[in-house]
């Protein structure tokens, strides 16, 4: 069992969906319903703070039922839903209510919500916070959907003091548009089917300059900021220096940046397209070093699915294909397989994929650890079982992912949400969804 005091043989005692006690291996209560995990590892459920569920409005892309069933199959017991790609986007209390109404009764894991920061809604952020969002998200570049416009410096200077007072993190898609625009003009002279052309259109400098800009604003306003989907190791170094000066800033990366590298992405393989792009093997190895040192704090999916036609494999044009990678079900296996090759212990996976995201979401007293008082969110994990990623194994709405055919190790054998089994590898998701919405109790 992976606990805050280390990897130990133990029993976990559960009452009313909460952990009451973590005892010695042979410590059981008379009359208790005992589940013996045998040789499996028991981990706290993963907390994925970066998931695009897309409901309401784009259920042909994904939805709460399919996303949360896939999450449970991937050992994720808590997810935060991103505010964009649904219609309406979660930029007002009314939009949040539309989303929570859509989610009611069809979540196999616990679900929290992220509000959107867009031009003109700075004065309503407090209303969204009181309604229960756990963070806010903004883009510094066009988001790809018209209902979620990107913010500029005046928007941030208005909103970040408000966020500093609210105490909630601002999750930033950090790429500087001016750098991308200049690089894209140059890149369009190349072949749009070649991955190298797309990679050249979104250079790492766009991320670096955007992060420097966000750090400057966070230092001035005192706002808490979080850089999403870091693709370059230099970003982690910049953030480490800022943290040493007292800037309230954290970072995440994603499994696809830790697994793939640009050198091995075939031309026309638009299922690999995401933004920022997957970079070279040197950047990938640098991200692993940053995770190992603590310069990067967490790994989350950025699950961003779409219908197959939007990936435009028919033409293989990276510039017209939708950018996003579907991986919600595969995170622990991808990360663990790569960790094994690097000799890293499984408690680091729990640190990156359970504990640190729980803190970001303000859920550290309930989620991300096997400890008394926490929700009984548990994963039974076989670290040695190998499998090949096949379309028929995937539970999200569309089996479009660059991981198809990958050989991985580490299977989720069972997932429990507040002590209730949500998923079993042999029988699939539970018949009745045990998830709850993480919202304030009504007065």
Protein backbone atom coordinates (compact mmCIF):
# COMPACT_ATOMS: atom_id res chain seq x y z
CA UNK A 1 0.00 0.00 0.00
CA UNK A 2 1.35 3.43 -0.97
CA UNK A 3 0.76 5.68 2.03
CA UNK A 4 2.14 9.02 3.21
CA UNK A 5 4.53 7.07 5.47
CA UNK A 6 5.87 5.00 2.58
CA UNK A 7 5.14 1.75 0.79
CA UNK A 8 4.05 -0.65 3.50
CA UNK A 9 1.97 -3.82 3.97
CA UNK A 10 -1.22 -2.59 5.57
CA UNK A 11 -4.99 -2.69 5.85
CA UNK A 12 -7.22 0.28 5.18
CA UNK A 13 -10.42 0.54 7.22
CA UNK A 14 -13.43 2.26 5.66
CA UNK A 15 -16.71 3.49 7.12
CA UNK A 16 -19.24 5.70 5.37
CA UNK A 17 -16.97 6.18 2.37
CA UNK A 18 -14.09 7.58 4.45
CA UNK A 19 -10.85 6.04 5.65
CA UNK A 20 -11.01 5.65 9.42
CA UNK A 21 -7.73 3.86 10.04
CA UNK A 22 -4.67 2.46 8.29
CA UNK A 23 -3.52 -0.55 10.27
CA UNK A 24 -1.05 -3.42 10.22
CA UNK A 25 -1.45 -6.15 7.62
CA UNK A 26 -3.26 -8.58 9.92
CA UNK A 27 -5.45 -5.95 11.58
CA UNK A 28 -9.11 -6.51 10.67
CA UNK A 29 -12.36 -5.72 12.42
CA UNK A 30 -14.83 -8.48 13.41
CA UNK A 31 -17.63 -8.77 10.89
CA UNK A 32 -15.96 -6.48 8.37
CA UNK A 33 -16.33 -7.01 4.64
CA UNK A 34 -12.71 -7.78 3.71
CA UNK A 35 -11.24 -7.29 0.23
CA UNK A 36 -7.83 -8.97 -0.10
CA UNK A 37 -5.69 -7.28 -2.73
CA UNK A 38 -3.18 -10.12 -2.71
CA UNK A 39 0.03 -9.14 -4.46
CA UNK A 40 -1.43 -6.01 -6.04
CA UNK A 41 -0.36 -2.50 -5.07
CA UNK A 42 -3.03 -0.36 -3.42
CA UNK A 43 -2.67 3.29 -4.36
CA UNK A 44 -4.80 6.35 -3.65
CA UNK A 45 -7.05 7.18 -6.58
CA UNK A 46 -5.52 9.48 -9.15
CA UNK A 47 -6.65 13.11 -9.32
CA UNK A 48 -6.74 14.47 -12.87
CA UNK A 49 -7.15 18.23 -12.86
CA UNK A 50 -7.12 18.67 -16.65
CA UNK A 51 -9.97 16.90 -18.47
CA UNK A 52 -12.12 18.21 -21.33
CA UNK A 53 -15.47 16.45 -20.89
CA UNK A 54 -17.21 18.68 -23.50
CA UNK A 55 -20.76 18.24 -22.19
CA UNK A 56 -23.17 19.95 -22.76
CA UNK A 57 -22.92 21.07 -26.34
CA UNK A 58 -20.32 18.75 -27.84
CA UNK A 59 -21.38 15.31 -26.68
CA UNK A 60 -20.32 13.93 -30.06
CA UNK A 61 -16.78 14.63 -28.79
CA UNK A 62 -17.12 13.23 -25.25
CA UNK A 63 -19.53 13.35 -22.30
CA UNK A 64 -19.71 12.78 -18.56
CA UNK A 65 -20.75 9.13 -18.87
CA UNK A 66 -18.02 8.09 -21.28
CA UNK A 67 -15.30 10.28 -19.76
CA UNK A 68 -15.86 9.17 -16.18
CA UNK A 69 -16.12 5.48 -17.11
CA UNK A 70 -12.77 5.83 -18.88
CA UNK A 71 -11.40 7.69 -15.87
CA UNK A 72 -12.39 4.88 -13.51
CA UNK A 73 -10.76 2.34 -15.84
CA UNK A 74 -7.59 4.43 -15.64
CA UNK A 75 -7.53 4.64 -11.85
CA UNK A 76 -8.72 8.26 -11.81
CA UNK A 77 -11.20 8.74 -8.95
CA UNK A 78 -11.44 12.54 -9.14
CA UNK A 79 -11.32 14.79 -12.17
CA UNK A 80 -11.73 18.49 -12.80
CA UNK A 81 -13.64 19.43 -15.92
CA UNK A 82 -12.17 22.15 -18.10
CA UNK A 83 -14.45 25.12 -18.87
CA UNK A 84 -14.10 25.07 -22.66
CA UNK A 85 -15.24 22.86 -25.53
CA UNK A 86 -18.64 22.59 -23.88
CA UNK A 87 -21.42 24.91 -25.01
CA UNK A 88 -21.90 27.11 -23.10
CA UNK A 89 -18.37 27.49 -21.80
CA UNK A 90 -18.17 27.67 -18.01
CA UNK A 91 -17.66 31.42 -17.79
CA UNK A 92 -20.77 32.27 -15.76
CA UNK A 93 -22.83 30.77 -12.96
CA UNK A 94 -25.64 29.99 -15.40
CA UNK A 95 -23.22 28.03 -17.59
CA UNK A 96 -21.90 26.16 -14.55
CA UNK A 97 -25.44 25.17 -13.65
CA UNK A 98 -26.04 23.90 -17.18
CA UNK A 99 -22.94 21.76 -16.84
CA UNK A 100 -23.77 20.38 -13.40
CA UNK A 101 -27.31 19.60 -14.55
CA UNK A 102 -25.83 17.62 -17.45
CA UNK A 103 -23.45 15.72 -15.15
CA UNK A 104 -26.00 14.79 -12.49
CA UNK A 105 -26.33 11.03 -12.06
CA UNK A 106 -23.88 9.97 -14.76
CA UNK A 107 -20.43 10.20 -13.17
CA UNK A 108 -18.50 7.07 -12.28
CA UNK A 109 -15.89 9.18 -10.43
CA UNK A 110 -16.07 12.41 -8.44
CA UNK A 111 -16.12 15.52 -10.61
CA UNK A 112 -15.16 19.10 -9.83
CA UNK A 113 -15.34 22.10 -12.13
CA UNK A 114 -13.00 24.80 -13.43
CA UNK A 115 -14.28 28.24 -14.34
CA UNK A 116 -13.17 30.17 -17.39
CA UNK A 117 -11.43 33.55 -17.46
CA UNK A 118 -12.25 35.30 -20.71
CA UNK A 119 -12.29 38.96 -21.72
CA UNK A 120 -14.96 40.86 -19.79
CA UNK A 121 -15.84 38.43 -16.98
CA UNK A 122 -13.30 39.47 -14.31
CA UNK A 123 -16.00 40.97 -12.08
CA UNK A 124 -18.05 37.75 -12.06
CA UNK A 125 -15.20 35.43 -11.01
CA UNK A 126 -16.27 35.72 -7.37
CA UNK A 127 -19.75 34.47 -8.26
CA UNK A 128 -18.25 31.42 -9.97
CA UNK A 129 -15.98 30.78 -6.99
CA UNK A 130 -18.91 30.91 -4.58
CA UNK A 131 -20.85 28.56 -6.87
CA UNK A 132 -18.11 25.98 -6.40
CA UNK A 133 -15.47 26.11 -9.15
CA UNK A 134 -12.10 24.97 -7.83
CA UNK A 135 -9.84 26.93 -10.20
CA UNK A 136 -9.95 29.15 -13.28
CA UNK A 137 -8.50 28.61 -16.75
CA UNK A 138 -7.38 31.06 -19.41
CA UNK A 139 -5.63 30.99 -22.77
CA UNK A 140 -2.99 33.45 -23.90
CA UNK A 141 -3.51 32.25 -27.49
CA UNK A 142 -6.71 31.40 -29.39
CA UNK A 143 -8.27 28.34 -27.78
CA UNK A 144 -9.60 26.76 -30.97
CA UNK A 145 -13.27 27.37 -30.14
CA UNK A 146 -15.03 30.72 -30.62
CA UNK A 147 -16.99 30.66 -27.36
CA UNK A 148 -13.77 30.76 -25.28
CA UNK A 149 -11.65 33.74 -26.45
CA UNK A 150 -8.12 34.25 -25.20
CA UNK A 151 -7.11 36.97 -22.77
CA UNK A 152 -4.64 39.80 -23.19
CA UNK A 153 -2.49 41.72 -20.73
CA UNK A 154 -5.24 44.22 -19.74
CA UNK A 155 -7.62 41.33 -19.03
CA UNK A 156 -5.08 39.67 -16.76
CA UNK A 157 -4.18 42.88 -14.95
CA UNK A 158 -7.88 43.30 -14.15
CA UNK A 159 -8.55 39.69 -13.16
CA UNK A 160 -5.44 38.57 -11.28
CA UNK A 161 -5.93 40.84 -8.23
CA UNK A 162 -9.47 39.43 -7.98
CA UNK A 163 -8.09 35.90 -8.13
CA UNK A 164 -5.48 36.75 -5.52
CA UNK A 165 -8.29 37.70 -3.13
CA UNK A 166 -10.28 34.58 -3.96
CA UNK A 167 -7.23 32.37 -3.39
CA UNK A 168 -8.03 30.09 -6.32
CA UNK A 169 -5.38 29.18 -8.90
CA UNK A 170 -5.38 30.51 -12.46
CA UNK A 171 -4.49 27.71 -14.86
CA UNK A 172 -2.73 29.25 -17.85
CA UNK A 173 -2.27 27.91 -21.36
CA UNK A 174 1.06 29.67 -21.77
CA UNK A 175 2.10 30.32 -25.34
CA UNK A 176 2.77 33.85 -26.54
CA UNK A 177 0.69 34.61 -29.65
CA UNK A 178 3.18 37.02 -31.23
CA UNK A 179 5.89 34.36 -31.27
CA UNK A 180 3.53 31.76 -32.76
CA UNK A 181 2.24 34.16 -35.41
CA UNK A 182 5.77 34.93 -36.59
CA UNK A 183 6.79 31.27 -36.56
CA UNK A 184 3.61 30.20 -38.37
CA UNK A 185 4.21 32.64 -41.23
CA UNK A 186 7.63 31.06 -41.72
CA UNK A 187 6.35 27.50 -41.25
CA UNK A 188 3.54 27.79 -43.79
CA UNK A 189 6.17 27.68 -46.52
CA UNK A 190 6.76 24.06 -45.51
CA UNK A 191 4.75 20.91 -46.08
CA UNK A 192 1.75 20.85 -43.68
CA UNK A 193 1.79 17.03 -43.68
CA UNK A 194 5.27 16.96 -42.13
CA UNK A 195 5.27 16.98 -38.33
CA UNK A 196 8.45 19.07 -38.36
CA UNK A 197 6.52 21.87 -40.09
CA UNK A 198 3.88 21.96 -37.37
CA UNK A 199 6.52 21.73 -34.64
CA UNK A 200 8.32 24.71 -36.15
CA UNK A 201 5.13 26.78 -36.00
CA UNK A 202 4.94 26.54 -32.19
CA UNK A 203 8.53 26.91 -30.91
CA UNK A 204 9.46 26.39 -27.27
CA UNK A 205 10.28 30.11 -27.08
CA UNK A 206 6.54 30.85 -27.30
CA UNK A 207 6.09 28.92 -24.06
CA UNK A 208 9.14 30.43 -22.39
CA UNK A 209 8.17 34.03 -23.15
CA UNK A 210 4.58 33.45 -22.06
CA UNK A 211 5.70 31.91 -18.78
CA UNK A 212 8.05 34.84 -18.11
CA UNK A 213 5.09 37.18 -18.68
CA UNK A 214 2.83 35.20 -16.31
CA UNK A 215 5.53 35.08 -13.64
CA UNK A 216 5.89 38.86 -13.82
CA UNK A 217 2.16 39.41 -13.37
CA UNK A 218 1.92 36.84 -10.55
CA UNK A 219 4.80 38.53 -8.75
CA UNK A 220 3.09 41.92 -8.96
CA UNK A 221 -0.46 40.82 -8.10
CA UNK A 222 0.17 37.98 -5.64
CA UNK A 223 -2.15 35.71 -7.62
CA UNK A 224 -1.67 31.96 -7.53
CA UNK A 225 -0.91 30.65 -11.03
CA UNK A 226 -0.46 27.22 -12.55
CA UNK A 227 1.17 26.55 -15.93
CA UNK A 228 -0.64 23.75 -17.72
CA UNK A 229 0.84 21.11 -20.07
CA UNK A 230 4.50 22.15 -19.85
CA UNK A 231 6.34 20.89 -22.94
CA UNK A 232 9.83 22.28 -22.33
CA UNK A 233 12.27 21.65 -19.50
CA UNK A 234 13.40 25.28 -19.50
CA UNK A 235 9.91 26.28 -18.36
CA UNK A 236 10.38 24.17 -15.24
CA UNK A 237 13.69 25.90 -14.55
CA UNK A 238 12.08 29.34 -14.91
CA UNK A 239 9.29 28.38 -12.53
CA UNK A 240 11.74 26.96 -9.99
CA UNK A 241 13.57 30.30 -9.90
CA UNK A 242 10.28 32.16 -9.50
CA UNK A 243 9.16 29.88 -6.66
CA UNK A 244 12.44 30.57 -4.88
CA UNK A 245 11.51 34.29 -4.97
CA UNK A 246 8.13 33.54 -3.42
CA UNK A 247 5.97 33.57 -6.55
CA UNK A 248 2.92 31.34 -6.07
CA UNK A 249 3.30 29.18 -9.15
CA UNK A 250 3.07 25.47 -9.94
CA UNK A 251 3.40 23.38 -13.08
CA UNK A 252 2.13 20.23 -14.72
CA UNK A 253 3.12 18.10 -17.66
CA UNK A 254 1.24 15.33 -19.44
CA UNK A 255 1.90 11.68 -20.31
CA UNK A 256 2.28 12.43 -24.03
CA UNK A 257 5.19 14.80 -23.40
CA UNK A 258 6.86 12.11 -21.27
CA UNK A 259 6.29 9.22 -23.69
CA UNK A 260 6.54 10.43 -27.29
CA UNK A 261 9.23 12.44 -29.05
CA UNK A 262 9.09 14.48 -32.23
CA UNK A 263 11.76 12.40 -33.94
CA UNK A 264 9.44 9.38 -34.05
CA UNK A 265 6.15 11.03 -35.07
CA UNK A 266 5.28 10.00 -38.62
CA UNK A 267 4.33 12.65 -41.15
CA UNK A 268 0.56 12.92 -41.56
CA UNK A 269 -0.09 11.28 -38.15
CA UNK A 270 -2.38 14.03 -36.91
CA UNK A 271 -3.50 11.98 -33.89
CA UNK A 272 -0.26 13.26 -32.30
CA UNK A 273 -1.24 16.91 -32.70
CA UNK A 274 -1.55 18.93 -29.50
CA UNK A 275 -0.59 22.41 -28.34
CA UNK A 276 2.05 23.01 -27.20
CA UNK A 277 3.42 20.30 -29.49
CA UNK A 278 5.30 17.17 -28.53
CA UNK A 279 8.95 18.15 -28.78
CA UNK A 280 12.20 16.26 -29.27
CA UNK A 281 13.70 13.51 -27.12
CA UNK A 282 16.03 15.98 -25.37
CA UNK A 283 13.01 17.94 -24.14
CA UNK A 284 11.25 14.74 -23.08
CA UNK A 285 14.27 13.63 -21.07
CA UNK A 286 14.53 17.10 -19.57
CA UNK A 287 10.93 16.89 -18.39
CA UNK A 288 11.70 13.59 -16.65
CA UNK A 289 14.65 15.23 -14.91
CA UNK A 290 12.43 18.13 -13.85
CA UNK A 291 9.85 15.74 -12.40
CA UNK A 292 12.50 13.79 -10.55
CA UNK A 293 13.97 16.96 -9.02
CA UNK A 294 10.61 18.49 -8.10
CA UNK A 295 10.87 21.33 -10.61
CA UNK A 296 7.69 19.94 -12.17
CA UNK A 297 5.03 19.06 -9.62
CA UNK A 298 2.43 16.88 -11.33
CA UNK A 299 1.31 14.81 -14.31
CA UNK A 300 -2.26 15.09 -15.61
CA UNK A 301 -3.87 13.98 -18.85
CA UNK A 302 -5.11 17.07 -20.73
CA UNK A 303 -7.62 14.60 -22.17
CA UNK A 304 -8.95 16.49 -25.20
CA UNK A 305 -10.87 14.15 -27.51
CA UNK A 306 -12.74 14.86 -30.71
CA UNK A 307 -14.65 12.94 -33.40
CA UNK A 308 -12.27 11.09 -35.76
CA UNK A 309 -13.10 13.30 -38.74
CA UNK A 310 -11.72 16.36 -36.94
CA UNK A 311 -8.27 14.75 -36.75
CA UNK A 312 -8.21 14.86 -40.58
CA UNK A 313 -6.19 11.72 -41.11
CA UNK A 314 -7.72 11.75 -44.60
CA UNK A 315 -5.42 14.62 -45.57
CA UNK A 316 -2.81 14.43 -42.80
CA UNK A 317 -2.63 18.21 -42.52
CA UNK A 318 -1.44 19.20 -39.04
CA UNK A 319 -2.66 22.77 -39.46
CA UNK A 320 -6.33 21.88 -40.07
CA UNK A 321 -6.55 18.93 -37.64
CA UNK A 322 -7.98 19.39 -34.15
CA UNK A 323 -5.24 19.58 -31.53
CA UNK A 324 -5.76 17.33 -28.54
CA UNK A 325 -4.80 13.88 -27.27
CA UNK A 326 -7.18 11.39 -25.69
CA UNK A 327 -5.48 9.47 -22.89
CA UNK A 328 -7.67 9.61 -19.78
CA UNK A 329 -7.72 5.82 -19.36
CA UNK A 330 -4.01 5.27 -20.01
CA UNK A 331 -2.17 7.72 -17.75
CA UNK A 332 -0.85 5.46 -14.97
CA UNK A 333 0.27 2.74 -17.39
CA UNK A 334 2.08 5.19 -19.68
CA UNK A 335 3.82 6.96 -16.83
CA UNK A 336 4.63 3.77 -14.92
CA UNK A 337 6.06 2.01 -17.99
CA UNK A 338 8.42 4.93 -18.56
CA UNK A 339 9.23 5.13 -14.84
CA UNK A 340 10.26 1.47 -14.72
CA UNK A 341 12.81 2.09 -17.45
CA UNK A 342 14.21 4.96 -15.39
CA UNK A 343 14.31 3.05 -12.09
CA UNK A 344 11.81 5.35 -10.37
CA UNK A 345 9.66 3.97 -7.52
CA UNK A 346 5.88 3.88 -7.69
CA UNK A 347 5.44 6.28 -4.79
CA UNK A 348 6.64 9.04 -7.14
CA UNK A 349 3.72 8.24 -9.45
CA UNK A 350 1.37 8.75 -6.50
CA UNK A 351 3.12 12.04 -5.69
CA UNK A 352 2.73 13.33 -9.26
CA UNK A 353 -0.69 11.94 -10.18
CA UNK A 354 -2.58 11.87 -6.85
CA UNK A 355 -1.14 14.04 -4.09
CA UNK A 356 0.04 17.14 -5.98
CA UNK A 357 -3.08 17.50 -8.18
CA UNK A 358 -5.24 17.15 -5.05
CA UNK A 359 -3.44 20.16 -3.56
CA UNK A 360 -3.95 22.17 -6.76
CA UNK A 361 -7.68 21.43 -6.59
CA UNK A 362 -7.89 22.33 -2.90
CA UNK A 363 -8.84 18.74 -2.07
CA UNK A 364 -5.78 17.60 -0.14
CA UNK A 365 -7.77 16.87 3.03
CA UNK A 366 -10.05 14.50 1.11
CA UNK A 367 -8.21 13.19 -1.95
CA UNK A 368 -4.82 11.97 -3.08
CA UNK A 369 -3.70 9.95 -0.06
CA UNK A 370 -4.46 6.78 1.88
CA UNK A 371 -4.81 8.36 5.30
CA UNK A 372 -7.46 8.66 8.02
CA UNK A 373 -10.12 11.21 7.14
CA UNK A 374 -9.61 10.96 3.39
CA UNK A 375 -12.23 9.62 1.03
CA UNK A 376 -11.74 5.90 0.42
CA UNK A 377 -10.65 6.40 -3.19
CA UNK A 378 -8.44 3.41 -3.91
CA UNK A 379 -6.84 1.72 -6.90
CA UNK A 380 -5.71 -1.90 -7.04
CA UNK A 381 -2.78 -1.82 -9.46
CA UNK A 382 -0.76 -4.63 -11.02
CA UNK A 383 2.63 -3.10 -11.84
CA UNK A 384 3.84 -6.12 -13.82
CA UNK A 385 0.91 -7.02 -16.05
CA UNK A 386 1.59 -6.11 -19.68
CA UNK A 387 -0.99 -5.15 -22.28
CA UNK A 388 -1.26 -3.64 -25.74
CA UNK A 389 -3.43 -0.57 -26.24
CA UNK A 390 -6.31 -1.63 -28.48
CA UNK A 391 -9.36 0.33 -29.58
CA UNK A 392 -11.76 -2.17 -28.01
CA UNK A 393 -10.21 -1.57 -24.56
CA UNK A 394 -10.84 2.16 -24.55
CA UNK A 395 -13.97 3.51 -22.87
CA UNK A 396 -13.89 7.16 -23.91
CA UNK A 397 -16.22 8.05 -26.76
CA UNK A 398 -13.77 7.75 -29.65
CA UNK A 399 -10.77 5.41 -29.84
CA UNK A 400 -8.61 8.03 -31.52
CA UNK A 401 -5.28 8.22 -29.73
CA UNK A 402 -1.59 8.04 -30.65
CA UNK A 403 -1.17 5.31 -28.02
CA UNK A 404 -2.92 2.66 -30.13
CA UNK A 405 -0.56 -0.31 -30.47
CA UNK A 406 1.68 0.76 -27.59
CA UNK A 407 2.97 -2.00 -25.28
CA UNK A 408 2.52 -0.90 -21.68
CA UNK A 409 2.90 -2.33 -18.20
CA UNK A 410 0.66 -1.67 -15.24
CA UNK A 411 -3.04 -2.44 -15.20
CA UNK A 412 -5.79 -1.02 -13.06
CA UNK A 413 -7.45 -4.13 -11.64
CA UNK A 414 -10.11 -2.29 -9.65
CA UNK A 415 -11.05 1.27 -8.74
CA UNK A 416 -13.02 2.28 -5.64
CA UNK A 417 -14.68 5.67 -5.21
CA UNK A 418 -15.45 6.42 -1.55
CA UNK A 419 -15.30 2.68 -0.84
CA UNK A 420 -17.65 1.68 -3.68
CA UNK A 421 -16.23 -0.29 -6.58
CA UNK A 422 -16.52 1.85 -9.70
CA UNK A 423 -14.54 -0.40 -12.06
CA UNK A 424 -13.19 -3.93 -12.27
CA UNK A 425 -10.90 -4.99 -15.12
CA UNK A 426 -12.72 -8.28 -15.57
CA UNK A 427 -16.28 -6.95 -15.51
CA UNK A 428 -15.92 -3.30 -16.51
CA UNK A 429 -17.54 -0.23 -14.95
CA UNK A 430 -20.11 -0.66 -12.18
CA UNK A 431 -23.75 -0.74 -13.24
CA UNK A 432 -24.59 2.23 -11.00
CA UNK A 433 -22.33 5.30 -11.16
CA UNK A 434 -20.91 6.05 -7.67
CA UNK A 435 -19.41 9.45 -8.48
CA UNK A 436 -20.47 12.74 -6.92
CA UNK A 437 -20.18 16.37 -7.98
CA UNK A 438 -17.74 18.33 -5.84
CA UNK A 439 -19.88 21.38 -5.15
CA UNK A 440 -20.83 23.32 -2.02
CA UNK A 441 -23.72 21.91 -0.02
CA UNK A 442 -26.88 23.98 -0.51
CA UNK A 443 -27.66 26.36 2.38
